[in-house]
Amino acid sequence: MESYNSENASDYLKVALAAADKAAGISRHYYAGNFTVTTKSDMTPVTQADVECEQAIREIIHSAFPAHGFYGEETGQTDIDAEFLWLVDPIDGTKGFVRQYPFFSTQIALMHDGEIILGVSSGTMLDELAWAEKGQGAWLNGQRLNVSEIYDPDRAAVSTGNLKSLAAGSGWSALGEIVKNADRIRGYGDFYHYHLLAAGKIEAVIESDVNILDIAALSVIVSEAGGVFTNLNGEKPDLEIRSVLAANPSLHEKYLAQLSGYVA
């Protein structure tokens, strides 16, 4: 398996990896449960760990690239119309973090003129660090990632996310056909099923009720691993994305034909 050559890393990637490492130290410290939890206006929880991780990430990024914009889950937006915009979710999966599930992650992405060109996904408690840059491939713990070559829906492993909102959508019966025909259906959720997809261990992820900060980094990781990453209508990720269809190229085409028009 091909190993990563760090000499190929851009300054952007080096800074993103340093920021992810700093955040990992903070989240590990708080994971034992010694933190306060408050509720945001959208009724989702936020902890000391979320805020401190994002503050540390913001400081590292702005120190290196003071002219870049920043869009964070907890500390808000700065220069969102800048040529370069960092997209950061310091702890994606806060509800799980609060209950000490290990499936939370730190998500850091860089957008250039509306295109996501870099992503770092740090699954801290699972010791999974994935990253990708446009044109440079995708990597997990230093090993090259490639999506699966299983193109038969009958042999596909499909992971779903946020079934509650998918069930309320207009394409539930179409999703049911995919579920009925798949070899295996799971709900690995959060960052983890995208790491599995990029590594060729499952074939597709279908998800709703997401935002750009949840999936920006993961979208470039999957794409650089040879996959296709869109919303349920086949549109590329942008700041307004709310759903995901990610798969190897052949299955993405087949599933998109079934799901296109799904409003979730």
Protein backbone atom coordinates (compact mmCIF):
# COMPACT_ATOMS: atom_id res chain seq x y z
CA MET A 1 0.00 0.00 0.00
CA GLU A 2 1.31 3.42 -0.94
CA SER A 3 2.53 5.53 1.98
CA TYR A 4 2.24 9.30 2.23
CA ASN A 5 5.21 11.48 1.42
CA SER A 6 4.94 14.53 3.68
CA GLU A 7 7.13 16.53 1.30
CA ASN A 8 4.07 16.81 -0.95
CA ALA A 9 2.03 18.61 1.71
CA SER A 10 1.15 22.23 1.03
CA ASP A 11 1.47 24.89 3.68
CA TYR A 12 -2.32 24.81 3.93
CA LEU A 13 -2.32 21.11 4.76
CA LYS A 14 0.52 21.42 7.25
CA VAL A 15 -1.40 24.11 9.12
CA ALA A 16 -4.67 22.13 9.00
CA LEU A 17 -2.95 19.03 10.39
CA ALA A 18 -1.32 21.07 13.16
CA ALA A 19 -4.70 22.56 14.06
CA ALA A 20 -6.34 19.11 14.09
CA ASP A 21 -3.60 17.80 16.36
CA LYS A 22 -4.07 20.67 18.79
CA ALA A 23 -7.83 20.08 18.84
CA ALA A 24 -7.31 16.36 19.46
CA GLY A 25 -5.35 17.12 22.60
CA ILE A 26 -8.14 19.33 23.89
CA SER A 27 -10.96 16.90 23.10
CA ARG A 28 -9.09 13.98 24.67
CA HIS A 29 -8.64 16.02 27.82
CA TYR A 30 -12.36 16.68 28.13
CA TYR A 31 -13.59 13.29 26.93
CA ALA A 32 -13.57 11.86 30.47
CA GLY A 33 -16.56 14.10 31.18
CA ASN A 34 -15.10 17.08 33.02
CA PHE A 35 -16.83 19.79 31.02
CA THR A 36 -19.87 22.03 31.06
CA VAL A 37 -22.69 21.61 28.56
CA THR A 38 -25.00 24.39 27.38
CA THR A 39 -27.79 24.40 24.80
CA LYS A 40 -27.66 26.60 21.70
CA SER A 41 -30.64 28.38 20.17
CA ASP A 42 -31.19 25.44 17.79
CA MET A 43 -31.48 23.15 20.84
CA THR A 44 -28.21 21.35 20.13
CA PRO A 45 -25.56 20.99 22.84
CA VAL A 46 -22.22 22.77 22.98
CA THR A 47 -19.42 22.03 25.44
CA GLN A 48 -16.25 23.69 26.67
CA ALA A 49 -14.39 21.27 24.43
CA ASP A 50 -16.21 22.49 21.29
CA VAL A 51 -15.42 26.11 22.03
CA GLU A 52 -11.82 25.61 23.12
CA CYS A 53 -11.04 23.34 20.15
CA GLU A 54 -12.39 25.91 17.71
CA GLN A 55 -10.59 28.78 19.37
CA ALA A 56 -7.32 26.85 19.10
CA ILE A 57 -7.95 25.96 15.45
CA ARG A 58 -8.89 29.55 14.59
CA GLU A 59 -5.76 30.88 16.28
CA ILE A 60 -3.45 28.50 14.41
CA ILE A 61 -5.08 29.19 11.04
CA HIS A 62 -5.24 32.96 11.41
CA SER A 63 -1.66 33.09 12.63
CA ALA A 64 -0.56 31.40 9.40
CA PHE A 65 -3.11 32.95 7.01
CA PRO A 66 -4.47 36.22 8.43
CA ALA A 67 -6.19 37.20 5.18
CA HIS A 68 -8.25 34.00 4.98
CA GLY A 69 -11.91 33.81 5.98
CA PHE A 70 -13.13 31.54 8.76
CA TYR A 71 -16.49 29.81 9.18
CA GLY A 72 -16.74 27.95 12.47
CA GLU A 73 -19.51 25.99 14.12
CA GLU A 74 -19.06 27.73 17.47
CA THR A 75 -17.25 31.04 16.97
CA GLY A 76 -19.02 32.18 13.83
CA GLN A 77 -17.96 33.68 10.52
CA THR A 78 -15.18 36.09 9.62
CA ASP A 79 -14.63 37.34 6.05
CA ILE A 80 -16.85 34.61 4.64
CA ASP A 81 -16.52 36.13 1.15
CA ALA A 82 -12.72 35.89 1.19
CA GLU A 83 -10.92 34.06 -1.63
CA PHE A 84 -9.88 31.37 0.85
CA LEU A 85 -12.41 30.25 3.46
CA TRP A 86 -11.74 27.74 6.24
CA LEU A 87 -14.70 25.58 7.27
CA VAL A 88 -14.40 24.14 10.77
CA ASP A 89 -16.50 21.89 12.98
CA PRO A 90 -14.35 21.44 16.09
CA ILE A 91 -16.35 18.49 17.44
CA ASP A 92 -18.71 17.01 14.89
CA GLY A 93 -20.91 14.70 16.93
CA THR A 94 -21.23 16.71 20.13
CA LYS A 95 -24.25 14.72 21.30
CA GLY A 96 -22.16 11.57 21.13
CA PHE A 97 -19.21 13.31 22.77
CA VAL A 98 -21.40 14.32 25.70
CA ARG A 99 -22.46 10.68 26.16
CA GLN A 100 -18.89 9.45 25.64
CA TYR A 101 -19.41 7.79 22.26
CA PRO A 102 -16.08 7.65 20.42
CA PHE A 103 -17.58 8.57 17.04
CA PHE A 104 -16.98 12.31 17.21
CA SER A 105 -14.38 14.06 15.07
CA THR A 106 -12.74 17.36 14.20
CA GLN A 107 -13.46 18.55 10.67
CA ILE A 108 -11.28 21.16 8.95
CA ALA A 109 -11.64 22.11 5.28
CA LEU A 110 -10.41 24.87 3.00
CA MET A 111 -12.53 26.35 0.25
CA HIS A 112 -11.01 28.40 -2.59
CA ASP A 113 -13.40 30.52 -4.64
CA GLY A 114 -16.27 28.22 -3.75
CA GLU A 115 -14.45 24.93 -4.33
CA ILE A 116 -13.33 22.69 -1.48
CA ILE A 117 -9.65 21.96 -2.07
CA LEU A 118 -8.47 20.45 1.21
CA GLY A 119 -9.91 18.41 4.04
CA VAL A 120 -8.73 16.97 7.35
CA SER A 121 -10.95 14.59 9.32
CA SER A 122 -9.67 13.60 12.77
CA GLY A 123 -11.49 10.74 14.49
CA THR A 124 -9.66 11.37 17.72
CA MET A 125 -10.76 8.46 19.92
CA LEU A 126 -10.55 5.94 17.06
CA ASP A 127 -7.05 7.10 16.09
CA GLU A 128 -8.16 7.80 12.53
CA LEU A 129 -6.66 10.84 10.81
CA ALA A 130 -7.71 11.27 7.19
CA TRP A 131 -6.75 14.08 4.85
CA ALA A 132 -6.80 15.04 1.21
CA GLU A 133 -5.80 17.87 -1.09
CA LYS A 134 -7.18 18.39 -4.57
CA GLY A 135 -5.07 16.41 -7.02
CA GLN A 136 -2.95 14.79 -4.29
CA GLY A 137 -5.06 11.78 -3.33
CA ALA A 138 -6.67 10.84 -0.01
CA TRP A 139 -4.90 9.32 2.96
CA LEU A 140 -5.74 7.66 6.26
CA ASN A 141 -2.98 7.43 8.86
CA GLY A 142 -0.47 7.85 6.03
CA GLN A 143 -1.88 5.12 3.76
CA ARG A 144 -3.49 5.84 0.38
CA LEU A 145 -7.26 5.53 0.18
CA ASN A 146 -9.26 4.16 -2.75
CA VAL A 147 -12.97 3.55 -3.03
CA SER A 148 -14.37 0.10 -3.71
CA GLU A 149 -14.74 -1.42 -7.18
CA ILE A 150 -17.94 -3.23 -6.24
CA TYR A 151 -20.44 -1.87 -8.75
CA ASP A 152 -23.32 -4.33 -8.34
CA PRO A 153 -26.06 -2.92 -6.06
CA ASP A 154 -26.80 -6.46 -4.90
CA ARG A 155 -23.27 -6.69 -3.47
CA ALA A 156 -23.08 -3.17 -2.07
CA ALA A 157 -22.73 -2.18 1.57
CA VAL A 158 -24.65 1.06 2.15
CA SER A 159 -24.52 3.24 5.26
CA THR A 160 -27.28 5.71 6.05
CA GLY A 161 -27.35 8.74 8.32
CA ASN A 162 -30.17 10.70 9.94
CA LEU A 163 -32.92 8.26 9.03
CA LYS A 164 -35.50 10.37 10.84
CA SER A 165 -35.19 13.21 8.33
CA LEU A 166 -34.78 10.81 5.40
CA ALA A 167 -38.03 9.11 6.42
CA ALA A 168 -39.82 12.45 6.39
CA GLY A 169 -38.60 13.20 2.85
CA SER A 170 -40.32 12.71 -0.47
CA GLY A 171 -38.09 9.86 -1.68
CA TRP A 172 -38.49 7.38 1.17
CA SER A 173 -39.84 4.66 -1.14
CA ALA A 174 -36.92 5.14 -3.55
CA LEU A 175 -34.49 4.74 -0.67
CA GLY A 176 -36.42 1.64 0.32
CA GLU A 177 -35.60 0.06 -3.04
CA ILE A 178 -31.90 0.69 -2.47
CA VAL A 179 -32.14 -0.79 1.01
CA LYS A 180 -34.05 -3.82 -0.25
CA ASN A 181 -31.47 -4.62 -2.92
CA ALA A 182 -28.26 -3.90 -1.00
CA ASP A 183 -26.12 -6.68 0.40
CA ARG A 184 -25.71 -4.90 3.71
CA ILE A 185 -27.28 -1.84 5.34
CA ARG A 186 -25.61 -0.12 8.25
CA GLY A 187 -25.73 3.28 9.95
CA TYR A 188 -22.12 3.93 10.89
CA GLY A 189 -22.80 7.65 10.96
CA ASP A 190 -20.85 10.85 11.44
CA PHE A 191 -17.30 10.87 10.03
CA TYR A 192 -16.83 7.14 10.29
CA HIS A 193 -18.88 5.92 7.33
CA TYR A 194 -17.08 8.38 5.04
CA HIS A 195 -13.71 7.01 6.16
CA LEU A 196 -15.00 3.50 5.43
CA LEU A 197 -16.27 4.60 2.01
CA ALA A 198 -12.98 6.25 1.06
CA ALA A 199 -11.10 3.13 2.18
CA GLY A 200 -13.21 0.85 -0.01
CA LYS A 201 -14.81 -0.94 2.95
CA ILE A 202 -18.36 0.13 2.09
CA GLU A 203 -19.78 1.33 -1.22
CA ALA A 204 -22.11 4.24 -0.46
CA VAL A 205 -23.32 6.75 2.11
CA ILE A 206 -26.80 8.28 1.98
CA GLU A 207 -27.51 11.00 4.51
CA SER A 208 -29.69 14.01 5.24
CA ASP A 209 -29.90 16.79 7.82
CA VAL A 210 -26.26 17.81 7.33
CA ASN A 211 -24.54 21.15 6.87
CA ILE A 212 -21.37 22.14 5.07
CA LEU A 213 -19.25 22.09 8.22
CA ASP A 214 -20.18 18.44 8.82
CA ILE A 215 -19.07 17.19 5.42
CA ALA A 216 -16.74 19.68 3.69
CA ALA A 217 -13.52 17.90 4.62
CA LEU A 218 -15.07 14.48 4.05
CA SER A 219 -16.24 15.46 0.57
CA VAL A 220 -12.72 16.10 -0.71
CA ILE A 221 -11.41 12.97 1.04
CA VAL A 222 -14.02 10.79 -0.70
CA SER A 223 -13.51 12.54 -4.04
CA GLU A 224 -9.73 12.20 -3.91
CA ALA A 225 -10.17 8.51 -3.09
CA GLY A 226 -11.97 8.14 -6.42
CA GLY A 227 -15.55 8.54 -5.22
CA VAL A 228 -18.33 10.91 -6.17
CA PHE A 229 -19.78 13.20 -3.50
CA THR A 230 -22.97 15.22 -4.11
CA ASN A 231 -26.28 15.96 -2.49
CA LEU A 232 -29.28 13.72 -3.22
CA ASN A 233 -29.96 15.69 -6.40
CA GLY A 234 -26.44 15.33 -7.77
CA GLU A 235 -25.24 18.85 -6.92
CA LYS A 236 -21.69 19.42 -5.67
CA PRO A 237 -21.22 20.51 -2.04
CA ASP A 238 -21.67 24.21 -1.35
CA LEU A 239 -22.44 26.30 1.70
CA GLU A 240 -26.13 25.36 1.45
CA ILE A 241 -25.79 21.55 1.25
CA ARG A 242 -28.31 19.61 3.35
CA SER A 243 -28.04 16.01 2.10
CA VAL A 244 -25.42 13.59 0.80
CA LEU A 245 -25.11 10.84 -1.77
CA ALA A 246 -21.53 9.58 -1.80
CA ALA A 247 -20.40 6.41 -3.53
CA ASN A 248 -18.01 4.92 -6.02
CA PRO A 249 -18.71 6.30 -9.52
CA SER A 250 -20.84 3.46 -10.86
CA LEU A 251 -23.09 3.12 -7.84
CA HIS A 252 -23.40 6.88 -7.47
CA GLU A 253 -24.83 7.06 -10.99
CA LYS A 254 -27.27 4.23 -10.29
CA TYR A 255 -28.41 5.53 -6.93
CA LEU A 256 -28.73 9.10 -8.18
CA ALA A 257 -31.11 7.93 -10.90
CA GLN A 258 -33.29 6.44 -8.14
CA LEU A 259 -33.02 9.26 -5.62
CA SER A 260 -32.89 12.41 -7.77
CA GLY A 261 -35.63 14.78 -6.68
CA TYR A 262 -35.56 13.54 -3.09
CA VAL A 263 -36.33 16.42 -0.77
CA ALA A 264 -35.06 15.58 2.72
